[in-house]
C-alpha atoms as a PDB file:
ATOM      1  CA  UNK A   1      -2.441  14.773  -6.811  1.00  0.00           C
ATOM      2  CA  UNK A   2      -3.159  13.477  -3.297  1.00  0.00           C
ATOM      3  CA  UNK A   3      -6.183  15.771  -3.098  1.00  0.00           C
ATOM      4  CA  UNK A   4      -7.919  14.134  -6.070  1.00  0.00           C
ATOM      5  CA  UNK A   5     -10.933  11.955  -5.250  1.00  0.00           C
ATOM      6  CA  UNK A   6      -9.397   8.959  -7.018  1.00  0.00           C
ATOM      7  CA  UNK A   7      -6.056   9.159  -5.154  1.00  0.00           C
ATOM      8  CA  UNK A   8      -5.276   8.293  -1.542  1.00  0.00           C
ATOM      9  CA  UNK A   9      -1.774   8.706  -0.155  1.00  0.00           C
ATOM     10  CA  UNK A  10      -1.061   7.218   3.265  1.00  0.00           C
ATOM     11  CA  UNK A  11       2.361   7.428   4.861  1.00  0.00           C
ATOM     12  CA  UNK A  12       3.796   4.900   7.259  1.00  0.00           C
ATOM     13  CA  UNK A  13       5.940   7.002   9.601  1.00  0.00           C
ATOM     14  CA  UNK A  14       9.495   5.943  10.346  1.00  0.00           C
ATOM     15  CA  UNK A  15       8.647   5.406  14.029  1.00  0.00           C
ATOM     16  CA  UNK A  16       6.238   2.588  13.057  1.00  0.00           C
ATOM     17  CA  UNK A  17       9.233   0.328  12.430  1.00  0.00           C
ATOM     18  CA  UNK A  18       8.900  -2.797  10.304  1.00  0.00           C
ATOM     19  CA  UNK A  19       5.698  -4.470   9.207  1.00  0.00           C
ATOM     20  CA  UNK A  20       4.818  -7.457   6.993  1.00  0.00           C
ATOM     21  CA  UNK A  21       5.537  -6.760   3.341  1.00  0.00           C
ATOM     22  CA  UNK A  22       7.848  -3.795   3.952  1.00  0.00           C
ATOM     23  CA  UNK A  23      10.317  -3.346   1.135  1.00  0.00           C
ATOM     24  CA  UNK A  24       8.193  -5.098  -1.461  1.00  0.00           C
ATOM     25  CA  UNK A  25       6.341  -3.344  -4.255  1.00  0.00           C
ATOM     26  CA  UNK A  26       2.727  -4.534  -4.221  1.00  0.00           C
ATOM     27  CA  UNK A  27      -0.190  -3.343  -6.334  1.00  0.00           C
ATOM     28  CA  UNK A  28      -3.538  -4.690  -5.141  1.00  0.00           C
ATOM     29  CA  UNK A  29      -6.171  -4.292  -7.857  1.00  0.00           C
ATOM     30  CA  UNK A  30      -9.575  -4.615  -6.240  1.00  0.00           C
ATOM     31  CA  UNK A  31     -12.438  -5.567  -8.536  1.00  0.00           C
ATOM     32  CA  UNK A  32     -16.184  -5.125  -8.136  1.00  0.00           C
ATOM     33  CA  UNK A  33     -16.309  -8.900  -7.671  1.00  0.00           C
ATOM     34  CA  UNK A  34     -13.682  -9.914  -5.036  1.00  0.00           C
ATOM     35  CA  UNK A  35     -12.890 -13.152  -6.885  1.00  0.00           C
ATOM     36  CA  UNK A  36     -11.435 -10.996  -9.681  1.00  0.00           C
ATOM     37  CA  UNK A  37      -8.990  -9.181  -7.371  1.00  0.00           C
ATOM     38  CA  UNK A  38      -5.364  -9.437  -8.476  1.00  0.00           C
ATOM     39  CA  UNK A  39      -2.018  -8.659  -6.868  1.00  0.00           C
ATOM     40  CA  UNK A  40       0.908  -7.550  -9.000  1.00  0.00           C
ATOM     41  CA  UNK A  41       4.408  -7.952  -7.554  1.00  0.00           C
ATOM     42  CA  UNK A  42       7.599  -6.588  -9.068  1.00  0.00           C
ATOM     43  CA  UNK A  43      10.427  -9.103  -9.020  1.00  0.00           C
ATOM     44  CA  UNK A  44      13.849  -9.449 -10.614  1.00  0.00           C
ATOM     45  CA  UNK A  45      12.443 -11.717 -13.329  1.00  0.00           C
ATOM     46  CA  UNK A  46       9.528  -9.427 -14.130  1.00  0.00           C
ATOM     47  CA  UNK A  47       6.017  -8.862 -12.823  1.00  0.00           C
ATOM     48  CA  UNK A  48       4.071 -11.621 -11.103  1.00  0.00           C
ATOM     49  CA  UNK A  49       0.282 -11.712 -10.998  1.00  0.00           C
ATOM     50  CA  UNK A  50      -1.388 -13.457  -8.079  1.00  0.00           C
ATOM     51  CA  UNK A  51      -5.074 -14.267  -7.961  1.00  0.00           C
ATOM     52  CA  UNK A  52      -5.754 -17.375  -5.878  1.00  0.00           C
ATOM     53  CA  UNK A  53      -7.937 -16.824  -2.814  1.00  0.00           C
ATOM     54  CA  UNK A  54      -5.264 -18.079  -0.384  1.00  0.00           C
ATOM     55  CA  UNK A  55      -2.607 -15.786  -1.833  1.00  0.00           C
ATOM     56  CA  UNK A  56      -4.978 -12.811  -1.991  1.00  0.00           C
ATOM     57  CA  UNK A  57      -5.803 -13.366   1.682  1.00  0.00           C
ATOM     58  CA  UNK A  58      -2.112 -13.053   2.545  1.00  0.00           C
ATOM     59  CA  UNK A  59      -1.789  -9.738   0.728  1.00  0.00           C
ATOM     60  CA  UNK A  60      -5.072  -8.419   2.123  1.00  0.00           C
ATOM     61  CA  UNK A  61      -3.699  -9.131   5.617  1.00  0.00           C
ATOM     62  CA  UNK A  62      -0.422  -7.357   4.787  1.00  0.00           C
ATOM     63  CA  UNK A  63      -2.259  -4.310   3.473  1.00  0.00           C
ATOM     64  CA  UNK A  64      -4.537  -4.282   6.530  1.00  0.00           C
ATOM     65  CA  UNK A  65      -1.439  -4.346   8.774  1.00  0.00           C
ATOM     66  CA  UNK A  66       0.107  -1.462   6.819  1.00  0.00           C
ATOM     67  CA  UNK A  67      -3.149   0.516   7.002  1.00  0.00           C
ATOM     68  CA  UNK A  68      -3.185  -0.042  10.758  1.00  0.00           C
ATOM     69  CA  UNK A  69       0.091   1.836  11.245  1.00  0.00           C
ATOM     70  CA  UNK A  70      -0.288   4.394   8.429  1.00  0.00           C
ATOM     71  CA  UNK A  71      -1.226   7.998   9.012  1.00  0.00           C
ATOM     72  CA  UNK A  72      -4.553   9.234   7.688  1.00  0.00           C
ATOM     73  CA  UNK A  73      -4.686  11.043   4.337  1.00  0.00           C
ATOM     74  CA  UNK A  74      -4.511  14.573   5.810  1.00  0.00           C
ATOM     75  CA  UNK A  75      -1.753  13.670   8.275  1.00  0.00           C
ATOM     76  CA  UNK A  76       0.160  11.947   5.471  1.00  0.00           C
ATOM     77  CA  UNK A  77       0.005  15.106   3.332  1.00  0.00           C
ATOM     78  CA  UNK A  78       1.245  17.145   6.305  1.00  0.00           C
ATOM     79  CA  UNK A  79       4.076  14.661   6.910  1.00  0.00           C
ATOM     80  CA  UNK A  80       5.205  14.896   3.265  1.00  0.00           C
ATOM     81  CA  UNK A  81       5.029  18.702   3.314  1.00  0.00           C
ATOM     82  CA  UNK A  82       7.125  18.802   6.481  1.00  0.00           C
ATOM     83  CA  UNK A  83       9.764  16.541   4.929  1.00  0.00           C
ATOM     84  CA  UNK A  84       9.827  18.624   1.754  1.00  0.00           C
ATOM     85  CA  UNK A  85      10.183  21.845   3.756  1.00  0.00           C
ATOM     86  CA  UNK A  86      13.090  20.355   5.718  1.00  0.00           C
ATOM     87  CA  UNK A  87      14.943  19.630   2.489  1.00  0.00           C
END
C-alpha cells in the first residue's frame, strides 16, 4: 500500500526520541482552501474536530516537527521491512 501514489508512509525512528504530539492520534485533513482544513483527534470521550486557525497552526507545527525527524518514504519502507524480517 505504501507504494500507491495516494499513500505516503513515513517512519519516525526510535533514535529520534520524543517530539511534540507523540502518543496522540491526529488526522490532519488538508483542503484545497486552507481555511477548510480540519484536525480530528481521538479521545476517551470520542472524536474531536478542530478547525480554528490558531488550533490548526498548533497541529501544523507538530506535523512539521514530526516530518523533520521522520525518514523519507523509501527509507521508511526499508525500516519496516527490516523490522518485519527481524520478527
